[in-house]
N, C-alpha and C. Protein backbone atom coordinates (compact mmCIF):
# COMPACT_ATOMS: atom_id res chain seq x y z
N MET A 1 14.36 -11.06 7.02
CA MET A 1 13.46 -11.56 8.30
C MET A 1 12.06 -10.74 7.50
N LEU A 2 12.98 -9.07 7.64
CA LEU A 2 12.37 -7.94 6.95
C LEU A 2 11.98 -8.31 5.65
N LYS A 3 12.83 -8.20 4.54
CA LYS A 3 12.40 -8.77 3.00
C LYS A 3 11.05 -9.58 3.03
N GLU A 4 10.96 -10.92 3.76
CA GLU A 4 10.02 -11.72 4.08
C GLU A 4 8.56 -10.79 4.08
N LYS A 5 8.78 -9.97 5.38
CA LYS A 5 7.85 -8.95 6.26
C LYS A 5 6.73 -8.56 5.31
N ALA A 6 7.76 -7.97 4.76
CA ALA A 6 7.28 -6.85 2.88
C ALA A 6 7.26 -7.67 2.56
N GLY A 7 7.32 -8.33 1.54
CA GLY A 7 6.76 -9.14 1.21
C GLY A 7 5.09 -9.50 1.22
N ILE A 8 5.05 -10.20 2.09
CA ILE A 8 3.64 -10.43 2.84
C ILE A 8 3.04 -8.78 2.83
N VAL A 9 3.24 -8.34 4.26
CA VAL A 9 2.47 -6.65 3.65
C VAL A 9 2.17 -6.48 2.88
N ALA A 10 3.09 -6.36 1.66
CA ALA A 10 2.47 -5.60 -0.12
C ALA A 10 1.24 -6.67 -1.07
N GLY A 11 1.37 -7.91 -0.55
CA GLY A 11 0.62 -8.80 -0.58
C GLY A 11 -0.81 -8.22 -0.40
N GLN A 12 -1.00 -7.83 1.17
CA GLN A 12 -2.18 -7.37 1.79
C GLN A 12 -3.02 -5.96 1.35
N ILE A 13 -1.99 -5.69 1.08
CA ILE A 13 -2.09 -4.27 0.41
C ILE A 13 -2.73 -4.10 -0.71
N TRP A 14 -2.00 -4.83 -2.17
CA TRP A 14 -1.92 -5.48 -3.34
C TRP A 14 -4.09 -5.84 -3.11
N THR A 15 -4.31 -6.66 -2.18
CA THR A 15 -5.32 -7.56 -2.09
C THR A 15 -6.31 -6.29 -1.96
N VAL A 16 -6.00 -5.16 -1.03
CA VAL A 16 -6.97 -4.20 -0.65
C VAL A 16 -7.35 -3.48 -1.60
N LEU A 17 -6.78 -3.04 -2.61
CA LEU A 17 -6.43 -2.39 -3.73
C LEU A 17 -6.88 -2.89 -4.91
N ASN A 18 -6.65 -4.24 -5.16
CA ASN A 18 -7.75 -5.01 -6.09
C ASN A 18 -9.09 -4.56 -6.35
N GLY A 19 -9.64 -4.05 -6.74
CA GLY A 19 -10.92 -3.81 -7.39
C GLY A 19 -11.23 -2.97 -6.90
N THR A 20 -10.16 -1.93 -6.71
CA THR A 20 -10.42 -0.18 -6.56
C THR A 20 -10.20 0.21 -7.46
N ASP A 21 -10.36 1.84 -7.33
CA ASP A 21 -9.66 2.54 -8.19
C ASP A 21 -8.69 3.67 -7.45
N GLY A 22 -8.74 3.30 -6.49
CA GLY A 22 -7.29 3.79 -5.80
C GLY A 22 -7.97 4.10 -3.89
N LEU A 23 -6.70 3.98 -3.04
CA LEU A 23 -7.18 4.43 -2.37
C LEU A 23 -6.36 5.21 -1.00
N THR A 24 -6.91 5.75 0.19
CA THR A 24 -5.67 6.73 0.60
C THR A 24 -4.51 5.57 0.97
N HIS A 25 -3.96 6.13 2.29
CA HIS A 25 -3.21 5.19 2.74
C HIS A 25 -3.88 5.57 4.51
N LYS A 26 -5.18 6.21 5.07
CA LYS A 26 -5.45 6.20 6.05
C LYS A 26 -6.94 4.78 5.39
N GLN A 27 -6.62 4.91 4.50
CA GLN A 27 -8.28 4.01 3.57
C GLN A 27 -7.65 2.37 3.75
N ILE A 28 -6.09 2.32 3.54
CA ILE A 28 -5.33 1.38 3.28
C ILE A 28 -5.34 0.50 4.97
N LYS A 29 -4.84 1.47 5.52
CA LYS A 29 -4.46 0.93 6.64
C LYS A 29 -5.75 0.73 7.59
N LYS A 30 -6.81 1.71 7.24
CA LYS A 30 -7.78 0.94 8.59
C LYS A 30 -8.14 -0.51 7.62
N ALA A 31 -8.14 -0.54 6.63
CA ALA A 31 -8.30 -2.60 5.66
C ALA A 31 -8.10 -3.21 6.42
N THR A 32 -6.63 -3.15 6.54
CA THR A 32 -5.64 -3.82 6.78
C THR A 32 -5.55 -3.80 7.85
N LYS A 33 -5.33 -2.91 9.06
CA LYS A 33 -4.93 -2.81 10.31
C LYS A 33 -3.62 -2.89 10.73
N LEU A 34 -2.91 -2.24 9.84
CA LEU A 34 -1.57 -2.37 9.84
C LEU A 34 -1.11 -1.17 10.39
N ILE A 35 0.13 -0.93 11.47
CA ILE A 35 0.44 -0.32 11.71
C ILE A 35 1.70 0.67 10.53
N ASP A 36 1.67 1.87 10.79
CA ASP A 36 2.54 2.97 9.72
C ASP A 36 3.30 1.96 9.19
N LYS A 37 4.50 2.18 10.26
CA LYS A 37 6.01 1.05 9.72
C LYS A 37 5.66 0.29 9.08
N ASP A 38 4.62 -0.59 9.74
CA ASP A 38 4.49 -2.15 7.87
C ASP A 38 3.73 -1.68 6.63
N LEU A 39 2.86 -0.56 7.33
CA LEU A 39 2.06 0.02 5.53
C LEU A 39 3.13 0.85 4.94
N PHE A 40 4.32 1.17 5.47
CA PHE A 40 5.15 1.71 4.43
C PHE A 40 5.86 1.30 4.25
N LEU A 41 6.56 0.04 4.70
CA LEU A 41 6.88 -1.32 4.02
C LEU A 41 6.43 -1.17 3.09
N GLY A 42 5.42 -2.12 3.12
CA GLY A 42 4.73 -2.88 1.77
C GLY A 42 4.03 -1.66 0.78
N LEU A 43 4.32 -0.39 1.32
CA LEU A 43 4.35 0.52 -0.35
C LEU A 43 5.35 0.71 -1.24
N GLY A 44 6.70 0.49 -0.02
CA GLY A 44 7.92 0.76 -0.56
C GLY A 44 8.28 -0.22 -1.26
N TRP A 45 7.72 -1.14 -0.70
CA TRP A 45 7.98 -2.84 -1.93
C TRP A 45 6.94 -2.61 -3.61
N LEU A 46 6.03 -2.47 -3.29
CA LEU A 46 4.62 -2.50 -4.19
C LEU A 46 5.44 -1.21 -5.11
N LEU A 47 5.93 -0.18 -4.47
CA LEU A 47 6.37 1.02 -5.57
C LEU A 47 7.37 0.80 -6.29
N ARG A 48 8.64 -0.56 -5.69
CA ARG A 48 9.25 -0.76 -6.31
C ARG A 48 9.78 -1.62 -7.24
N GLU A 49 8.62 -3.19 -6.99
CA GLU A 49 8.02 -3.98 -8.36
C GLU A 49 7.09 -2.82 -9.10
N ASP A 50 6.98 -1.34 -8.87
CA ASP A 50 6.22 -1.35 -9.97
C ASP A 50 4.63 -1.28 -10.62
N LYS A 51 3.89 -2.21 -9.07
CA LYS A 51 2.90 -2.71 -8.80
C LYS A 51 1.63 -1.46 -8.91
N VAL A 52 2.32 -0.14 -7.90
CA VAL A 52 1.27 1.10 -7.99
C VAL A 52 1.69 2.13 -7.99
N SER A 53 0.91 3.26 -8.08
CA SER A 53 1.03 4.61 -8.40
C SER A 53 1.18 5.65 -7.30
N THR A 54 1.43 6.74 -7.07
CA THR A 54 0.94 7.47 -5.82
C THR A 54 0.78 8.94 -6.12
N SER A 55 -0.21 9.53 -5.81
CA SER A 55 -0.65 10.94 -5.37
C SER A 55 -0.52 11.69 -4.53
N GLU A 56 -0.87 13.03 -4.87
CA GLU A 56 -1.35 13.73 -3.27
C GLU A 56 -2.74 14.16 -3.40
N VAL A 57 -3.58 13.78 -3.11
CA VAL A 57 -5.39 14.25 -3.14
C VAL A 57 -5.79 15.09 -1.78
N GLU A 58 -5.53 16.31 -1.85
CA GLU A 58 -5.63 16.67 -1.00
C GLU A 58 -5.49 16.60 0.18
N GLY A 59 -4.33 16.66 0.39
CA GLY A 59 -3.02 16.91 1.27
C GLY A 59 -3.23 15.03 1.98
N GLU A 60 -3.70 13.94 1.42
CA GLU A 60 -3.85 12.98 1.39
C GLU A 60 -2.97 11.76 0.50
N LEU A 61 -2.05 10.96 0.95
CA LEU A 61 -1.39 10.09 -0.27
C LEU A 61 -2.68 9.23 -0.56
N PHE A 62 -2.62 8.82 -1.72
CA PHE A 62 -2.83 8.34 -2.55
C PHE A 62 -2.76 6.93 -3.69
N VAL A 63 -3.14 6.01 -2.92
CA VAL A 63 -2.21 5.30 -4.09
C VAL A 63 -2.86 4.00 -4.94
N LYS A 64 -2.69 4.01 -5.62
CA LYS A 64 -4.11 2.86 -7.25
C LYS A 64 -2.81 1.93 -7.57
N LEU A 65 -3.50 0.57 -8.02
CA LEU A 65 -2.50 -0.25 -8.83
C LEU A 65 -2.24 0.15 -9.92
N ASN A 66 -0.96 -0.04 -10.87
CA ASN A 66 -0.84 -0.10 -11.91
C ASN A 66 -1.74 -0.75 -12.77
């Protein structure tokens, strides 16, 4: 069940990031209306699949598609 949810949330995050140069985790959270637990579940999925890269920009987690 959790694995299925991770894939769905990852798709929502990927959709929000598509067409951007990247967003902070706060921007992604606002656009997807996800709670922190689900946001990081989806980001973990995308990181594992090598679909996104993360970095820290001005103290914020920044995420972009690979």
